[in-house]
Amino acid sequence: MPTTNNDWILILPEIILASGIVFSVLFEIFSKKGKELLPWFSILLFFVVALLSIININDNFILFSGMMEVGGKSAIFNAIFNIGASLVVLNSIDYLKKYGANFNEYYILIQSSVLGMMVMASARDILLVFMGLELMSICFYVLAGINRKKNSSNEASMKYFLLGAFATGFIVYGIALIYGTTGSTSLQNISQNFLTYSTNILFILGSILVLIGFSFKIAAVPFHMWVPDVYQGSATTVTGLMSTTGKTAAFSVLIILLTAIYSLELKNVFAPYFSAIAVLSMFVGSIVALSQNNIKRMLAYSSIAHAGYMIVGLAAGNILGISGIIFYLTAYTFMNLGAFGIISMIERENDLGTEINDYTGLGNRSPILAALMSLFMFGLAGIPPMAGFFGKYYVFIGAIKANLTWLAILGVLSSVISVYFYLRIVVLIYFKESPDKSKIDYSIAGLISVVISAFLVLLFGFFPDSIMKIITPFVK
């Protein structure tokens, strides 16, 4: 337990967010102004928590008898979660009104999911990881079906819940085997004695089951089957949240688990597993995305490919590879939030406006949205000097330094394939005429959210070294 006032200050971001959730629930129960005020309260709450996390970034300590870490990597992840969630809420204000799904619980669920993400990123005990994971996942299952009148939304929610529960079963069984063979759930204990435990076949089996469970959460092939249907069926703003901060939270756990082992300078026994699923994810995601006509499904498959690029950093298992993943996750969060933000503004009732051909002639109908969408597509394609380029650059260099040059070359080939389906949208926007000449009415709050995302994408693209200098010291 924290024993000094300074300890309580260090966990202030989590305390404030948890208190904010309780306040939101009470406000929803006793006030009739929840619809007007809860979104803005959520944005303020996320902003304060993100700011405190950034302030605490250099106060890197272990608390609660080794169960929880504050500062360092945890603070970086917490900042990503909260900034990302605040942009999603800003984008959701008019989107939910448009579809008659403006339920106050939507904002409370987002707050709760972010708390789960923060618990995952700060955990140094497997049981704490599991608690955070379930808090986040259950909120996501409900959020996926927030548009209750829409059949595809209900289907997405049910599919996500069933397959998510299946993946959780892998993780629980893996944790049980690990605890049965080590007698401990402490990550510090497990990593320090990894060499001894790794001779036990049940410990190895438990570790593999945990990795499989988290491979599902990050949408890596062959555990990706839920992604296209869930991304397409869910409300677009929810898809943005799941595909960015949710993916970042799952990767944060893998980074915590593996960096503790990599720091022992043992042979990277996980390299073959991660190399295999990285190659499958990169090529399955990129190739299948080529044939998609729905932009949400296209981004779903591209999300699988991006997971593959990040897994290359896990296969490398060195400081540059891990730092590269954190940089990549940061850049990807804002690129994808921006893209889904624009989709949510162009989308109309009954899923109209979500086909790729609906973007034909967007340059004439809405020059601002067209320019921003092009920026995000260039970023996701990894075209320099966008942030997406440097994300791939760092993980590929990490792979080369780990003697996995062949993996980096395959990553580059997959990136070349992916350029086609991203630039296809840019071509439709500027070089094709649309019979529909009507102007697009967009939300001012949504536009502010997208502009902030664009600013951050450019910032990370033009100053990548500055961001890496912040991240690298905390990757041990």
Protein backbone atom coordinates (compact mmCIF):
# COMPACT_ATOMS: atom_id res chain seq x y z
CA MET A 1 0.00 0.00 0.00
CA PRO A 2 1.17 3.59 -0.50
CA THR A 3 2.69 4.76 2.78
CA THR A 4 3.54 8.39 2.10
CA ASN A 5 1.68 11.39 0.81
CA ASN A 6 3.93 11.32 -2.24
CA ASP A 7 2.68 7.80 -3.05
CA TRP A 8 -0.90 9.03 -3.07
CA ILE A 9 0.08 11.89 -5.36
CA LEU A 10 1.70 9.42 -7.74
CA ILE A 11 -1.53 7.44 -8.17
CA LEU A 12 -3.62 10.61 -8.37
CA PRO A 13 -4.51 10.08 -12.08
CA GLU A 14 -6.19 6.75 -11.31
CA ILE A 15 -7.91 8.16 -8.21
CA ILE A 16 -9.25 11.18 -10.10
CA LEU A 17 -10.57 9.06 -12.97
CA ALA A 18 -12.24 6.56 -10.59
CA SER A 19 -13.79 9.45 -8.62
CA GLY A 20 -14.94 11.02 -11.89
CA ILE A 21 -16.72 7.78 -12.85
CA VAL A 22 -18.57 7.68 -9.50
CA PHE A 23 -19.52 11.34 -9.89
CA SER A 24 -20.77 10.71 -13.45
CA VAL A 25 -22.98 7.83 -12.29
CA LEU A 26 -24.48 9.93 -9.48
CA PHE A 27 -24.92 12.89 -11.83
CA GLU A 28 -26.72 10.66 -14.31
CA ILE A 29 -29.05 9.36 -11.57
CA PHE A 30 -29.94 12.65 -9.91
CA SER A 31 -29.70 15.23 -12.70
CA LYS A 32 -31.64 15.73 -15.90
CA LYS A 33 -28.78 17.63 -17.54
CA GLY A 34 -26.54 14.64 -18.11
CA LYS A 35 -26.90 14.72 -21.89
CA GLU A 36 -25.61 18.29 -22.06
CA LEU A 37 -22.94 18.18 -19.39
CA LEU A 38 -21.52 14.64 -19.20
CA PRO A 39 -19.62 14.82 -22.52
CA TRP A 40 -17.86 18.03 -21.48
CA PHE A 41 -17.20 16.72 -17.98
CA SER A 42 -15.65 13.58 -19.54
CA ILE A 43 -13.38 15.67 -21.77
CA LEU A 44 -12.28 17.77 -18.78
CA LEU A 45 -11.70 14.61 -16.72
CA PHE A 46 -9.58 12.98 -19.43
CA PHE A 47 -7.62 16.19 -19.94
CA VAL A 48 -6.78 16.50 -16.23
CA VAL A 49 -5.76 12.83 -15.96
CA ALA A 50 -3.61 13.08 -19.10
CA LEU A 51 -1.94 16.23 -17.78
CA LEU A 52 -1.17 14.63 -14.41
CA SER A 53 0.20 11.54 -16.14
CA ILE A 54 2.56 13.67 -18.21
CA ILE A 55 3.67 15.58 -15.10
CA ASN A 56 4.40 12.25 -13.33
CA ILE A 57 6.33 10.79 -16.25
CA ASN A 58 9.74 11.03 -14.56
CA ASP A 59 8.47 9.74 -11.17
CA ASN A 60 8.95 6.10 -12.06
CA PHE A 61 8.22 3.98 -8.95
CA ILE A 62 6.76 0.61 -7.95
CA LEU A 63 3.90 0.78 -5.42
CA PHE A 64 1.49 -1.59 -3.64
CA SER A 65 4.16 -4.16 -2.73
CA GLY A 66 5.27 -4.48 -6.35
CA MET A 67 1.78 -4.74 -7.87
CA MET A 68 1.68 -1.40 -9.65
CA GLU A 69 4.10 0.88 -11.47
CA VAL A 70 3.63 4.63 -11.85
CA GLY A 71 5.44 7.06 -14.12
CA GLY A 72 7.65 5.98 -17.03
CA LYS A 73 5.99 3.78 -19.65
CA SER A 74 2.77 3.65 -17.62
CA ALA A 75 2.48 7.44 -17.67
CA ILE A 76 3.10 7.54 -21.43
CA PHE A 77 0.37 4.95 -22.05
CA ASN A 78 -2.02 6.72 -19.68
CA ALA A 79 -1.52 9.97 -21.57
CA ILE A 80 -2.30 8.21 -24.88
CA PHE A 81 -5.47 6.60 -23.43
CA ASN A 82 -6.84 9.83 -22.01
CA ILE A 83 -5.99 12.13 -24.91
CA GLY A 84 -7.39 9.55 -27.33
CA ALA A 85 -10.59 9.11 -25.29
CA SER A 86 -11.12 12.87 -25.02
CA LEU A 87 -10.94 13.16 -28.82
CA VAL A 88 -13.43 10.30 -29.19
CA VAL A 89 -15.88 11.99 -26.79
CA LEU A 90 -15.50 15.32 -28.61
CA ASN A 91 -16.27 13.56 -31.87
CA SER A 92 -19.19 11.65 -30.35
CA ILE A 93 -21.25 14.63 -29.16
CA ASP A 94 -23.03 15.31 -32.46
CA TYR A 95 -22.56 11.81 -33.87
CA LEU A 96 -24.71 10.22 -31.15
CA LYS A 97 -27.41 12.86 -31.50
CA LYS A 98 -27.51 12.18 -35.24
CA TYR A 99 -28.36 8.52 -34.63
CA GLY A 100 -30.62 8.88 -31.60
CA ALA A 101 -28.13 6.97 -29.46
CA ASN A 102 -27.25 9.81 -27.12
CA PHE A 103 -27.31 7.73 -23.96
CA ASN A 104 -25.42 9.07 -20.96
CA GLU A 105 -24.05 5.65 -20.10
CA TYR A 106 -22.00 5.93 -23.30
CA TYR A 107 -19.67 8.45 -21.64
CA ILE A 108 -19.53 6.53 -18.36
CA LEU A 109 -18.59 3.37 -20.25
CA ILE A 110 -15.78 5.20 -22.04
CA GLN A 111 -14.49 6.55 -18.71
CA SER A 112 -14.61 3.03 -17.20
CA SER A 113 -12.86 1.47 -20.20
CA VAL A 114 -10.04 4.03 -19.91
CA LEU A 115 -9.67 3.19 -16.20
CA GLY A 116 -9.32 -0.47 -17.21
CA MET A 117 -6.65 0.49 -19.75
CA MET A 118 -4.74 2.47 -17.10
CA VAL A 119 -4.86 -0.49 -14.71
CA MET A 120 -3.49 -2.77 -17.45
CA ALA A 121 -0.65 -0.41 -18.33
CA SER A 122 0.32 0.08 -14.67
CA ALA A 123 -0.01 -3.51 -13.51
CA ARG A 124 2.95 -5.56 -12.34
CA ASP A 125 0.84 -8.51 -11.26
CA ILE A 126 -0.99 -10.89 -13.58
CA LEU A 127 -4.25 -10.70 -11.61
CA LEU A 128 -4.22 -6.89 -11.81
CA VAL A 129 -3.63 -7.17 -15.58
CA PHE A 130 -6.66 -9.45 -15.81
CA MET A 131 -8.87 -7.09 -13.79
CA GLY A 132 -7.96 -4.14 -16.02
CA LEU A 133 -8.44 -6.21 -19.16
CA GLU A 134 -11.93 -7.34 -18.15
CA LEU A 135 -12.99 -3.82 -17.11
CA MET A 136 -11.94 -2.53 -20.53
CA SER A 137 -13.36 -5.48 -22.49
CA ILE A 138 -16.80 -5.52 -20.84
CA CYS A 139 -17.18 -1.79 -21.53
CA PHE A 140 -16.20 -2.38 -25.16
CA TYR A 141 -18.76 -5.21 -25.55
CA VAL A 142 -21.53 -2.86 -24.42
CA LEU A 143 -20.23 0.13 -26.39
CA ALA A 144 -20.16 -1.96 -29.59
CA GLY A 145 -23.96 -2.34 -29.26
CA ILE A 146 -24.70 1.21 -28.09
CA ASN A 147 -26.84 1.82 -31.19
CA ARG A 148 -29.58 -0.49 -29.95
CA LYS A 149 -31.93 0.03 -32.91
CA LYS A 150 -29.35 -1.16 -35.43
CA ASN A 151 -29.15 -4.90 -36.09
CA SER A 152 -25.53 -4.81 -37.24
CA SER A 153 -24.58 -3.05 -34.00
CA ASN A 154 -26.27 -5.72 -31.88
CA GLU A 155 -24.61 -8.42 -33.97
CA ALA A 156 -21.20 -6.76 -33.53
CA SER A 157 -21.69 -6.56 -29.78
CA MET A 158 -22.72 -10.19 -29.46
CA LYS A 159 -19.92 -11.43 -31.74
CA TYR A 160 -17.34 -9.36 -29.88
CA PHE A 161 -18.60 -10.63 -26.53
CA LEU A 162 -18.59 -14.31 -27.50
CA LEU A 163 -15.17 -14.29 -29.16
CA GLY A 164 -13.74 -11.98 -26.48
CA ALA A 165 -14.94 -14.36 -23.77
CA PHE A 166 -13.32 -17.22 -25.68
CA ALA A 167 -9.99 -15.34 -25.71
CA THR A 168 -10.37 -14.53 -22.02
CA GLY A 169 -10.67 -18.27 -21.38
CA PHE A 170 -7.21 -18.74 -22.90
CA ILE A 171 -5.78 -16.03 -20.67
CA VAL A 172 -7.42 -17.36 -17.48
CA TYR A 173 -6.26 -20.90 -18.14
CA GLY A 174 -2.77 -19.62 -18.93
CA ILE A 175 -2.67 -17.61 -15.69
CA ALA A 176 -3.81 -20.69 -13.75
CA LEU A 177 -0.97 -22.79 -15.21
CA ILE A 178 1.60 -20.05 -14.56
CA TYR A 179 0.44 -19.66 -10.95
CA GLY A 180 0.34 -23.44 -10.50
CA THR A 181 3.97 -23.80 -11.57
CA THR A 182 5.44 -20.64 -10.00
CA GLY A 183 3.24 -20.14 -6.92
CA SER A 184 3.20 -16.42 -7.69
CA THR A 185 1.36 -13.90 -9.84
CA SER A 186 4.06 -11.25 -9.50
CA LEU A 187 5.56 -10.30 -12.85
CA GLN A 188 8.80 -9.34 -11.13
CA ASN A 189 9.12 -12.79 -9.56
CA ILE A 190 8.23 -14.57 -12.79
CA SER A 191 10.66 -12.55 -14.91
CA GLN A 192 13.54 -12.85 -12.43
CA ASN A 193 13.16 -16.65 -12.29
CA PHE A 194 12.14 -17.07 -15.92
CA LEU A 195 15.16 -19.25 -16.72
CA THR A 196 14.23 -21.75 -13.99
CA TYR A 197 10.49 -21.74 -14.74
CA SER A 198 11.03 -22.13 -18.48
CA THR A 199 12.16 -25.73 -17.98
CA ASN A 200 8.63 -26.60 -16.83
CA ILE A 201 6.36 -27.61 -19.71
CA LEU A 202 3.23 -26.41 -17.88
CA PHE A 203 4.74 -22.95 -17.41
CA ILE A 204 5.58 -22.80 -21.13
CA LEU A 205 2.05 -23.93 -22.00
CA GLY A 206 0.57 -21.29 -19.68
CA SER A 207 2.75 -18.58 -21.24
CA ILE A 208 1.67 -19.61 -24.74
CA LEU A 209 -2.02 -19.50 -23.76
CA VAL A 210 -1.59 -15.98 -22.34
CA LEU A 211 0.18 -14.88 -25.54
CA ILE A 212 -2.64 -16.36 -27.65
CA GLY A 213 -5.24 -14.50 -25.58
CA PHE A 214 -3.47 -11.18 -26.05
CA SER A 215 -2.87 -11.92 -29.74
CA PHE A 216 -6.67 -11.91 -30.01
CA LYS A 217 -6.87 -8.57 -28.22
CA ILE A 218 -4.36 -6.91 -30.57
CA ALA A 219 -6.12 -8.46 -33.59
CA ALA A 220 -3.16 -10.48 -34.87
CA VAL A 221 -3.62 -13.23 -37.48
CA PRO A 222 -4.89 -15.98 -36.99
CA PHE A 223 -6.86 -14.50 -34.08
CA HIS A 224 -8.31 -11.60 -36.12
CA MET A 225 -11.62 -13.03 -37.33
CA TRP A 226 -13.74 -10.77 -35.13
CA VAL A 227 -12.22 -7.49 -36.32
CA PRO A 228 -13.96 -6.69 -39.67
CA ASP A 229 -17.53 -7.42 -38.51
CA VAL A 230 -17.12 -5.71 -35.14
CA TYR A 231 -15.45 -2.61 -36.62
CA GLN A 232 -18.13 -2.32 -39.32
CA GLY A 233 -21.13 -2.97 -37.06
CA SER A 234 -20.12 -0.77 -34.13
CA ALA A 235 -20.80 2.94 -33.98
CA THR A 236 -17.94 4.64 -35.85
CA THR A 237 -16.74 6.59 -32.81
CA VAL A 238 -16.65 3.36 -30.79
CA THR A 239 -14.68 1.68 -33.56
CA GLY A 240 -12.19 4.52 -33.34
CA LEU A 241 -11.78 3.97 -29.60
CA MET A 242 -11.44 0.19 -29.87
CA SER A 243 -8.96 0.29 -32.73
CA THR A 244 -6.63 2.78 -31.05
CA THR A 245 -6.58 3.04 -27.27
CA GLY A 246 -7.88 -0.53 -26.89
CA LYS A 247 -5.10 -1.87 -29.09
CA THR A 248 -2.56 0.31 -27.25
CA ALA A 249 -3.69 -1.12 -23.89
CA ALA A 250 -3.29 -4.71 -25.10
CA PHE A 251 0.17 -3.93 -26.51
CA SER A 252 1.13 -2.22 -23.24
CA VAL A 253 0.62 -5.53 -21.41
CA LEU A 254 2.70 -7.46 -23.93
CA ILE A 255 5.44 -4.83 -23.65
CA ILE A 256 5.39 -5.02 -19.84
CA LEU A 257 5.45 -8.84 -19.85
CA LEU A 258 8.21 -9.16 -22.40
CA THR A 259 10.52 -6.27 -21.48
CA ALA A 260 10.84 -7.75 -18.00
CA ILE A 261 12.15 -10.96 -19.59
CA TYR A 262 14.16 -9.27 -22.34
CA SER A 263 15.98 -7.20 -19.68
CA LEU A 264 17.57 -10.44 -18.39
CA GLU A 265 19.51 -10.61 -21.69
CA LEU A 266 18.36 -14.18 -22.28
CA LYS A 267 17.85 -15.60 -25.74
CA ASN A 268 14.59 -14.24 -27.18
CA VAL A 269 12.59 -17.50 -27.09
CA PHE A 270 9.44 -15.68 -28.25
CA ALA A 271 11.01 -14.42 -31.49
CA PRO A 272 9.76 -17.34 -33.67
CA TYR A 273 6.17 -16.96 -32.42
CA PHE A 274 6.09 -13.19 -32.92
CA SER A 275 7.88 -13.40 -36.28
CA ALA A 276 5.28 -15.86 -37.58
CA ILE A 277 2.21 -13.87 -36.50
CA ALA A 278 3.85 -10.60 -37.65
CA VAL A 279 4.28 -11.93 -41.20
CA LEU A 280 0.74 -13.40 -41.28
CA SER A 281 -0.81 -10.19 -39.90
CA MET A 282 1.07 -7.86 -42.26
CA PHE A 283 0.23 -9.76 -45.43
CA VAL A 284 -3.29 -10.99 -44.61
CA GLY A 285 -4.25 -7.48 -43.47
CA SER A 286 -2.72 -5.69 -46.46
CA ILE A 287 -3.87 -8.12 -49.16
CA VAL A 288 -7.46 -8.57 -47.95
CA ALA A 289 -7.83 -4.79 -47.46
CA LEU A 290 -7.26 -4.38 -51.22
CA SER A 291 -10.61 -5.99 -52.01
CA GLN A 292 -12.73 -4.07 -49.49
CA ASN A 293 -15.39 -1.62 -50.66
CA ASN A 294 -16.49 -0.48 -47.21
CA ILE A 295 -14.08 2.00 -45.64
CA LYS A 296 -14.60 0.71 -42.09
CA ARG A 297 -13.81 -2.84 -43.19
CA MET A 298 -10.80 -1.57 -45.11
CA LEU A 299 -9.51 0.17 -41.98
CA ALA A 300 -10.26 -2.99 -39.99
CA TYR A 301 -7.96 -5.04 -42.20
CA SER A 302 -5.38 -2.27 -42.23
CA SER A 303 -5.54 -2.37 -38.41
CA ILE A 304 -4.56 -6.04 -38.60
CA ALA A 305 -1.62 -5.14 -40.85
CA HIS A 306 -0.52 -2.37 -38.48
CA ALA A 307 -0.63 -4.86 -35.59
CA GLY A 308 1.76 -6.97 -37.65
CA TYR A 309 4.21 -4.08 -38.07
CA MET A 310 4.16 -3.47 -34.32
CA ILE A 311 4.67 -7.16 -33.57
CA VAL A 312 7.91 -6.92 -35.57
CA GLY A 313 9.18 -4.81 -32.65
CA LEU A 314 8.19 -7.56 -30.19
CA ALA A 315 10.03 -10.14 -32.29
CA ALA A 316 13.12 -7.89 -32.25
CA GLY A 317 12.92 -7.63 -28.47
CA ASN A 318 15.51 -4.85 -28.19
CA ILE A 319 15.23 -1.30 -26.87
CA LEU A 320 14.79 0.26 -30.31
CA GLY A 321 12.09 -2.25 -31.25
CA ILE A 322 10.09 -1.72 -28.03
CA SER A 323 10.51 2.08 -28.12
CA GLY A 324 9.46 1.94 -31.77
CA ILE A 325 6.24 0.12 -30.84
CA ILE A 326 5.33 2.80 -28.28
CA PHE A 327 6.04 5.55 -30.84
CA TYR A 328 4.04 3.61 -33.46
CA LEU A 329 1.08 3.16 -31.08
CA THR A 330 1.07 6.88 -30.31
CA ALA A 331 1.14 7.88 -33.98
CA TYR A 332 -1.36 5.19 -35.00
CA THR A 333 -3.82 6.29 -32.30
CA PHE A 334 -4.10 9.81 -33.69
CA MET A 335 -3.98 8.80 -37.36
CA ASN A 336 -6.81 6.30 -36.91
CA LEU A 337 -8.86 8.54 -34.61
CA GLY A 338 -8.66 11.25 -37.25
CA ALA A 339 -9.72 8.89 -40.05
CA PHE A 340 -12.65 7.46 -38.08
CA GLY A 341 -13.60 10.98 -36.97
CA ILE A 342 -14.02 12.05 -40.60
CA ILE A 343 -15.95 8.87 -41.43
CA SER A 344 -18.34 9.59 -38.54
CA MET A 345 -19.03 13.07 -39.97
CA ILE A 346 -19.63 11.85 -43.52
CA GLU A 347 -21.67 8.80 -42.46
CA ARG A 348 -25.45 9.04 -42.74
CA GLU A 349 -28.34 6.90 -41.51
CA ASN A 350 -28.48 3.18 -42.40
CA ASP A 351 -24.71 3.08 -42.93
CA LEU A 352 -24.88 5.33 -45.99
CA GLY A 353 -21.62 7.14 -46.65
CA THR A 354 -19.37 4.34 -45.45
CA GLU A 355 -18.55 2.89 -48.87
CA ILE A 356 -15.19 3.88 -50.32
CA ASN A 357 -16.92 5.21 -53.47
CA ASP A 358 -18.83 7.67 -51.27
CA TYR A 359 -15.55 9.61 -50.99
CA THR A 360 -15.52 10.32 -54.73
CA GLY A 361 -15.27 14.06 -55.33
CA LEU A 362 -14.96 14.90 -51.63
CA GLY A 363 -12.37 17.51 -52.57
CA ASN A 364 -15.13 19.63 -54.14
CA ARG A 365 -17.85 18.88 -51.60
CA SER A 366 -15.74 19.57 -48.49
CA PRO A 367 -12.14 20.75 -49.08
CA ILE A 368 -11.32 20.74 -45.34
CA LEU A 369 -12.43 17.16 -44.71
CA ALA A 370 -10.79 16.07 -47.97
CA ALA A 371 -7.43 17.56 -46.98
CA LEU A 372 -7.56 16.07 -43.49
CA MET A 373 -8.61 12.63 -44.77
CA SER A 374 -5.73 12.68 -47.26
CA LEU A 375 -3.32 13.58 -44.46
CA PHE A 376 -4.45 10.58 -42.39
CA MET A 377 -4.29 8.23 -45.40
CA PHE A 378 -0.71 9.36 -46.15
CA GLY A 379 0.15 8.83 -42.49
CA LEU A 380 -1.36 5.34 -42.34
CA ALA A 381 0.39 4.43 -45.60
CA GLY A 382 3.70 5.38 -43.98
CA ILE A 383 4.64 8.08 -46.46
CA PRO A 384 7.34 10.42 -45.09
CA PRO A 385 7.44 12.75 -43.29
CA MET A 386 4.22 11.54 -41.63
CA ALA A 387 4.34 9.94 -38.18
CA GLY A 388 3.35 6.55 -39.61
CA PHE A 389 6.58 6.41 -41.58
CA PHE A 390 8.75 6.83 -38.49
CA GLY A 391 6.69 4.26 -36.55
CA LYS A 392 7.54 1.64 -39.16
CA TYR A 393 11.09 2.91 -39.49
CA TYR A 394 11.90 2.40 -35.81
CA VAL A 395 10.45 -1.12 -35.53
CA PHE A 396 12.12 -2.21 -38.77
CA ILE A 397 15.51 -0.84 -37.64
CA GLY A 398 14.98 -2.69 -34.35
CA ALA A 399 14.40 -5.91 -36.32
CA ILE A 400 17.56 -5.38 -38.39
CA LYS A 401 19.63 -4.84 -35.23
CA ALA A 402 18.18 -8.11 -33.87
CA ASN A 403 19.34 -9.95 -37.03
CA LEU A 404 15.78 -10.21 -38.33
CA THR A 405 16.49 -8.34 -41.56
CA TRP A 406 14.24 -10.71 -43.52
CA LEU A 407 11.32 -9.69 -41.29
CA ALA A 408 12.01 -6.00 -41.91
CA ILE A 409 12.15 -6.62 -45.69
CA LEU A 410 8.77 -8.43 -45.57
CA GLY A 411 7.41 -5.49 -43.56
CA VAL A 412 8.52 -3.06 -46.26
CA LEU A 413 6.90 -5.23 -48.97
CA SER A 414 3.65 -5.31 -47.03
CA SER A 415 3.81 -1.52 -46.62
CA VAL A 416 4.18 -1.14 -50.39
CA ILE A 417 1.01 -3.21 -50.91
CA SER A 418 -0.88 -1.13 -48.37
CA VAL A 419 -0.02 2.13 -50.16
CA TYR A 420 -2.46 1.14 -52.93
CA PHE A 421 -5.61 1.01 -50.82
CA TYR A 422 -4.79 4.18 -48.90
CA LEU A 423 -3.94 6.22 -52.00
CA ARG A 424 -7.01 4.82 -53.78
CA ILE A 425 -9.10 6.95 -51.40
CA VAL A 426 -6.99 10.05 -52.07
CA VAL A 427 -7.40 9.52 -55.83
CA LEU A 428 -11.18 9.24 -55.45
CA ILE A 429 -11.23 12.39 -53.33
CA TYR A 430 -9.34 14.62 -55.78
CA PHE A 431 -9.31 13.01 -59.23
CA LYS A 432 -12.85 11.66 -59.67
CA GLU A 433 -16.07 13.57 -60.22
CA SER A 434 -19.11 12.76 -58.12
CA PRO A 435 -22.71 13.18 -59.39
CA ASP A 436 -23.56 14.38 -55.87
CA LYS A 437 -22.50 18.05 -55.69
CA SER A 438 -24.09 18.82 -52.31
CA LYS A 439 -21.90 20.25 -49.58
CA ILE A 440 -21.30 18.19 -46.44
CA ASP A 441 -22.54 19.58 -43.14
CA TYR A 442 -20.12 18.57 -40.45
CA SER A 443 -19.98 18.89 -36.70
CA ILE A 444 -17.78 21.70 -35.33
CA ALA A 445 -16.88 19.61 -32.24
CA GLY A 446 -16.02 16.68 -34.50
CA LEU A 447 -13.91 18.93 -36.73
CA ILE A 448 -11.97 20.23 -33.72
CA SER A 449 -11.29 16.63 -32.68
CA VAL A 450 -10.00 15.76 -36.15
CA VAL A 451 -7.87 18.91 -36.42
CA ILE A 452 -6.20 18.13 -33.06
CA SER A 453 -5.47 14.59 -34.31
CA ALA A 454 -3.99 16.01 -37.52
CA PHE A 455 -1.82 18.44 -35.54
CA LEU A 456 -0.44 15.60 -33.39
CA VAL A 457 0.23 13.43 -36.45
CA LEU A 458 2.24 16.26 -38.01
CA LEU A 459 4.00 17.01 -34.73
CA PHE A 460 5.15 13.39 -34.34
CA GLY A 461 6.11 13.30 -38.00
CA PHE A 462 8.30 16.41 -37.94
CA PHE A 463 9.84 15.80 -34.50
CA PRO A 464 10.12 12.00 -34.15
CA ASP A 465 13.48 12.13 -32.37
CA SER A 466 12.07 14.37 -29.65
CA ILE A 467 9.30 11.84 -28.94
CA MET A 468 11.75 8.92 -28.97
CA LYS A 469 13.98 10.75 -26.47
CA ILE A 470 11.04 10.82 -24.08
CA ILE A 471 10.14 7.14 -24.60
CA THR A 472 13.52 5.38 -24.78
CA PRO A 473 14.82 6.04 -21.22
CA PHE A 474 11.85 4.15 -19.79
CA VAL A 475 12.34 1.04 -21.95
CA LYS A 476 14.72 -1.11 -19.96
